Each structure stands twice: as structure tokens, then as C-alpha cells.
N, C-alpha and C. Protein backbone atom coordinates (compact mmCIF):
# COMPACT_ATOMS: atom_id res chain seq x y z
N UNK A 1 -14.33 28.20 4.39
CA UNK A 1 -13.90 26.93 3.85
C UNK A 1 -15.07 25.95 4.02
N UNK A 2 -15.14 25.05 3.09
CA UNK A 2 -16.15 24.02 3.10
C UNK A 2 -15.55 22.77 3.71
N UNK A 3 -16.29 22.18 4.69
CA UNK A 3 -15.74 21.02 5.40
C UNK A 3 -16.04 19.80 4.51
N UNK A 4 -15.03 18.96 4.29
CA UNK A 4 -15.19 17.72 3.53
C UNK A 4 -15.63 16.66 4.55
N UNK A 5 -15.58 15.39 4.03
CA UNK A 5 -16.04 14.26 4.92
C UNK A 5 -15.17 14.12 6.13
N UNK A 6 -13.86 14.38 6.02
CA UNK A 6 -12.98 14.31 7.13
C UNK A 6 -12.84 15.68 7.80
N UNK A 7 -12.93 15.77 9.11
CA UNK A 7 -12.84 17.05 9.80
C UNK A 7 -11.50 17.79 9.67
N UNK A 8 -10.48 17.06 9.28
CA UNK A 8 -9.16 17.64 9.13
C UNK A 8 -8.85 18.02 7.67
N UNK A 9 -9.85 17.90 6.81
CA UNK A 9 -9.63 18.19 5.39
C UNK A 9 -10.69 19.19 4.92
N UNK A 10 -10.26 20.16 4.13
CA UNK A 10 -11.15 21.18 3.68
C UNK A 10 -11.03 21.30 2.16
N UNK A 11 -12.10 21.77 1.51
CA UNK A 11 -12.03 22.03 0.05
C UNK A 11 -12.31 23.49 -0.13
N UNK A 12 -11.45 24.15 -0.92
CA UNK A 12 -11.56 25.57 -1.25
C UNK A 12 -11.38 25.75 -2.77
N UNK A 13 -11.79 26.87 -3.27
CA UNK A 13 -11.56 27.11 -4.70
C UNK A 13 -10.19 27.70 -4.92
N UNK A 14 -9.75 27.64 -6.19
CA UNK A 14 -8.41 28.15 -6.49
C UNK A 14 -8.34 29.67 -6.26
N UNK A 15 -9.45 30.36 -6.51
CA UNK A 15 -9.52 31.77 -6.29
C UNK A 15 -9.34 32.10 -4.81
N UNK A 16 -10.02 31.35 -3.94
CA UNK A 16 -9.87 31.52 -2.50
C UNK A 16 -8.47 31.26 -2.07
N UNK A 17 -7.85 30.22 -2.58
CA UNK A 17 -6.48 29.88 -2.24
C UNK A 17 -5.54 31.00 -2.68
N UNK A 18 -5.76 31.51 -3.83
CA UNK A 18 -4.89 32.59 -4.33
C UNK A 18 -4.97 33.84 -3.43
N UNK A 19 -6.18 34.11 -2.97
CA UNK A 19 -6.32 35.29 -2.09
C UNK A 19 -5.77 35.08 -0.71
N UNK A 20 -5.79 33.80 -0.24
CA UNK A 20 -5.36 33.53 1.17
C UNK A 20 -4.17 32.58 1.32
N UNK A 21 -3.41 32.40 0.29
CA UNK A 21 -2.42 31.30 0.27
C UNK A 21 -1.48 31.29 1.46
N UNK A 22 -0.88 32.44 1.82
CA UNK A 22 0.07 32.46 2.96
C UNK A 22 -0.59 32.08 4.30
N UNK A 23 -1.84 32.54 4.51
CA UNK A 23 -2.54 32.20 5.76
C UNK A 23 -2.88 30.74 5.75
N UNK A 24 -3.30 30.20 4.60
CA UNK A 24 -3.64 28.75 4.48
C UNK A 24 -2.42 27.92 4.70
N UNK A 25 -1.28 28.28 4.17
CA UNK A 25 -0.04 27.54 4.41
C UNK A 25 0.27 27.49 5.88
N UNK A 26 0.18 28.61 6.56
CA UNK A 26 0.42 28.65 8.03
C UNK A 26 -0.54 27.78 8.78
N UNK A 27 -1.82 27.79 8.36
CA UNK A 27 -2.87 26.97 9.03
C UNK A 27 -2.56 25.46 8.88
N UNK A 28 -2.20 25.06 7.66
CA UNK A 28 -1.90 23.62 7.44
C UNK A 28 -0.63 23.22 8.24
N UNK A 29 0.38 24.09 8.23
CA UNK A 29 1.54 23.76 8.99
C UNK A 29 1.34 23.64 10.51
N UNK A 30 0.47 24.56 11.03
CA UNK A 30 0.27 24.49 12.51
C UNK A 30 -0.77 23.48 12.96
N UNK A 31 -1.82 23.29 12.14
CA UNK A 31 -2.89 22.35 12.59
C UNK A 31 -2.72 20.97 12.10
N UNK A 32 -2.01 20.80 10.99
CA UNK A 32 -1.82 19.41 10.42
C UNK A 32 -2.96 19.03 9.50
N UNK A 33 -3.92 19.99 9.27
CA UNK A 33 -5.07 19.66 8.40
C UNK A 33 -4.61 19.71 6.97
N UNK A 34 -5.46 19.17 6.11
CA UNK A 34 -5.19 19.16 4.67
C UNK A 34 -6.22 20.00 3.96
N UNK A 35 -5.81 20.65 2.87
CA UNK A 35 -6.72 21.47 2.09
C UNK A 35 -6.68 20.99 0.64
N UNK A 36 -7.85 20.69 0.11
CA UNK A 36 -7.95 20.35 -1.31
C UNK A 36 -8.38 21.59 -2.07
N UNK A 37 -7.67 21.93 -3.16
CA UNK A 37 -7.97 23.15 -3.88
C UNK A 37 -8.64 22.67 -5.17
N UNK A 38 -9.84 23.28 -5.48
CA UNK A 38 -10.58 22.93 -6.64
C UNK A 38 -10.59 24.03 -7.68
N UNK A 39 -10.80 23.67 -8.89
CA UNK A 39 -10.91 24.59 -10.01
C UNK A 39 -12.07 24.07 -10.86
N UNK A 40 -13.02 25.00 -11.04
CA UNK A 40 -14.26 24.64 -11.82
C UNK A 40 -14.94 23.46 -11.20
N UNK A 41 -14.93 23.33 -9.88
CA UNK A 41 -15.63 22.26 -9.20
C UNK A 41 -14.93 20.93 -9.12
N UNK A 42 -13.71 20.85 -9.68
CA UNK A 42 -12.98 19.60 -9.68
C UNK A 42 -11.75 19.77 -8.80
N UNK A 43 -11.41 18.80 -7.91
CA UNK A 43 -10.21 18.89 -7.11
C UNK A 43 -8.95 18.79 -8.04
N UNK A 44 -7.96 19.67 -7.83
CA UNK A 44 -6.78 19.68 -8.67
C UNK A 44 -5.48 19.51 -7.87
N UNK A 45 -5.47 20.03 -6.62
CA UNK A 45 -4.28 20.01 -5.82
C UNK A 45 -4.59 19.80 -4.36
N UNK A 46 -3.76 19.17 -3.62
CA UNK A 46 -3.94 19.04 -2.19
C UNK A 46 -2.72 19.67 -1.45
N UNK A 47 -3.04 20.54 -0.47
CA UNK A 47 -2.02 21.15 0.36
C UNK A 47 -1.97 20.35 1.68
N UNK A 48 -0.82 19.71 1.92
CA UNK A 48 -0.67 18.90 3.13
C UNK A 48 0.53 19.34 3.94
N UNK A 49 0.58 19.08 5.25
CA UNK A 49 1.76 19.44 6.00
C UNK A 49 2.99 18.62 5.61
N UNK A 50 4.14 19.25 5.65
CA UNK A 50 5.39 18.56 5.32
C UNK A 50 5.78 17.57 6.42
N UNK A 51 6.23 16.39 6.00
CA UNK A 51 6.69 15.38 6.94
C UNK A 51 8.14 15.04 6.55
N UNK A 52 9.04 14.95 7.51
CA UNK A 52 10.39 14.50 7.29
C UNK A 52 10.34 13.07 6.78
N UNK A 53 11.13 12.72 5.73
CA UNK A 53 11.13 11.36 5.22
C UNK A 53 11.66 10.44 6.31
N UNK A 54 11.12 9.24 6.42
CA UNK A 54 11.57 8.24 7.35
C UNK A 54 12.94 7.71 6.86
N UNK A 55 13.81 7.54 7.85
CA UNK A 55 15.12 7.00 7.52
C UNK A 55 14.95 5.50 7.37
N UNK A 56 15.62 4.92 6.33
CA UNK A 56 15.58 3.50 6.12
C UNK A 56 16.57 2.84 7.01
N UNK A 57 16.57 1.52 7.02
CA UNK A 57 17.45 0.80 7.91
C UNK A 57 18.87 0.80 7.37
N UNK A 58 19.09 0.99 6.04
CA UNK A 58 20.41 0.95 5.45
C UNK A 58 21.21 2.12 5.99
N UNK A 59 22.37 1.82 6.53
CA UNK A 59 23.28 2.85 6.97
C UNK A 59 22.99 3.35 8.42
N UNK A 60 22.05 2.67 9.11
CA UNK A 60 21.68 3.09 10.48
C UNK A 60 22.87 3.02 11.42
N UNK A 61 23.80 2.05 11.19
CA UNK A 61 24.98 1.90 12.07
C UNK A 61 26.23 2.52 11.52
N UNK A 62 26.06 3.35 10.56
CA UNK A 62 27.21 4.01 9.94
C UNK A 62 28.08 4.73 10.99
N UNK A 63 29.37 4.50 10.88
CA UNK A 63 30.36 5.12 11.75
C UNK A 63 30.28 4.61 13.22
N UNK A 64 29.60 3.51 13.48
CA UNK A 64 29.53 2.97 14.82
C UNK A 64 30.36 1.64 14.92
N UNK A 65 30.86 1.13 13.78
CA UNK A 65 31.57 -0.13 13.77
C UNK A 65 32.99 0.16 13.36
N UNK A 66 33.93 -0.47 14.10
CA UNK A 66 35.34 -0.37 13.71
C UNK A 66 35.80 -1.70 13.18
N UNK A 67 36.53 -1.68 12.05
CA UNK A 67 37.11 -2.90 11.47
C UNK A 67 38.52 -2.98 11.88
N UNK A 68 38.84 -4.06 12.51
CA UNK A 68 40.27 -4.30 12.95
C UNK A 68 40.87 -5.41 12.13
N UNK A 69 41.88 -5.16 11.37
CA UNK A 69 42.53 -6.16 10.55
C UNK A 69 41.86 -6.30 9.21
N UNK A 70 42.26 -7.39 8.51
CA UNK A 70 41.76 -7.64 7.15
C UNK A 70 40.50 -8.54 7.27
N UNK A 71 39.38 -8.00 6.81
CA UNK A 71 38.14 -8.82 6.94
C UNK A 71 37.93 -9.74 5.79
N UNK A 72 38.83 -9.69 4.79
CA UNK A 72 38.69 -10.53 3.59
C UNK A 72 39.68 -11.74 3.67
N UNK A 73 40.73 -11.57 4.39
CA UNK A 73 41.74 -12.59 4.47
C UNK A 73 41.20 -13.84 5.18
N UNK A 74 41.56 -15.05 4.67
CA UNK A 74 41.06 -16.26 5.38
C UNK A 74 41.60 -16.35 6.78
N UNK A 75 40.84 -16.92 7.68
CA UNK A 75 41.23 -17.02 9.09
C UNK A 75 42.35 -18.02 9.38
N UNK A 76 42.44 -19.02 8.50
CA UNK A 76 43.46 -20.07 8.69
C UNK A 76 42.88 -21.17 9.58
N UNK A 77 41.60 -21.10 9.90
CA UNK A 77 40.94 -22.11 10.74
C UNK A 77 39.80 -22.64 9.89
N UNK A 78 39.68 -23.99 9.82
CA UNK A 78 38.53 -24.53 9.11
C UNK A 78 37.35 -24.60 10.05
N UNK A 79 36.24 -24.18 9.59
CA UNK A 79 35.04 -24.27 10.39
C UNK A 79 34.40 -25.67 10.20
N UNK A 80 33.63 -26.07 11.13
CA UNK A 80 32.95 -27.37 11.01
C UNK A 80 32.06 -27.42 9.77
N UNK A 81 31.45 -26.36 9.43
CA UNK A 81 30.60 -26.30 8.25
C UNK A 81 31.45 -26.57 7.02
N UNK A 82 32.64 -26.04 6.99
CA UNK A 82 33.55 -26.27 5.84
C UNK A 82 33.99 -27.74 5.77
N UNK A 83 34.21 -28.37 6.92
CA UNK A 83 34.62 -29.75 6.96
C UNK A 83 33.52 -30.65 6.45
N UNK A 84 32.29 -30.32 6.78
CA UNK A 84 31.17 -31.23 6.36
C UNK A 84 31.01 -31.07 4.87
N UNK A 85 31.26 -29.95 4.27
CA UNK A 85 31.17 -29.73 2.83
C UNK A 85 32.25 -30.53 2.09
N UNK A 86 33.45 -30.69 2.70
CA UNK A 86 34.59 -31.36 2.01
C UNK A 86 34.35 -32.85 1.93
N UNK A 87 33.58 -33.39 2.86
CA UNK A 87 33.31 -34.83 2.79
C UNK A 87 32.20 -35.12 1.78
N UNK A 88 32.45 -36.16 1.04
CA UNK A 88 31.38 -36.56 0.06
C UNK A 88 30.45 -37.52 0.83
N UNK A 89 29.12 -37.35 0.55
CA UNK A 89 28.21 -38.25 1.18
C UNK A 89 28.35 -39.66 0.67
N UNK A 90 28.09 -40.64 1.60
CA UNK A 90 28.11 -42.05 1.16
C UNK A 90 26.94 -42.33 0.30
N UNK A 91 27.22 -42.94 -0.88
CA UNK A 91 26.16 -43.31 -1.79
C UNK A 91 26.02 -44.81 -1.72
N UNK A 92 24.86 -45.27 -1.52
CA UNK A 92 24.58 -46.68 -1.47
C UNK A 92 23.90 -47.17 -2.64
């Protein structure tokens, strides 16, 4: 294998990859290195180790919250913020 600028990345020909593909897959999986595969001197594909997708924040608390009662029904209590909105400002 030819060492590229990064020590963890190698460039090989498509013919070499075809001959050694299973060994190269194992090497990438175990070492974390990357292999660029070239054809006619031009890079065409990169073999990289698989990484689990990162979980987003949406749904992180799924099934950890219990809803008790009706969360849409009005409380029957006016909040101070609501009282301030009901009053019209004094216009001078």
C-alpha cells in the first residue's frame, strides 16, 4: 500500500483492492484507517470504518414522562401574564 499524506489513510489501485478486498475490509474495521481506491491514477472510492449514527436530541426522553390528566384543558386559573395582557395600556 502506498502511504498518503495522513498516516491513517492509504491509496491502492482497484486491481489491488479486488485481489485483497476481504483483508482490507478487516484491516479498516480493526485499525480505523481509511483506504482510497484509485482507477487509472484517479481516486474513485474511499473505504472507511463504519460509525453508528449519532442520536439526535428529538425523542431522547421518550417513554420517561407520564402525562396525568388532560394537558390541553384550561387550568381554570388566570396567570399573571394573562392578566397583564387583558389590561389595555394607558395612552396619553
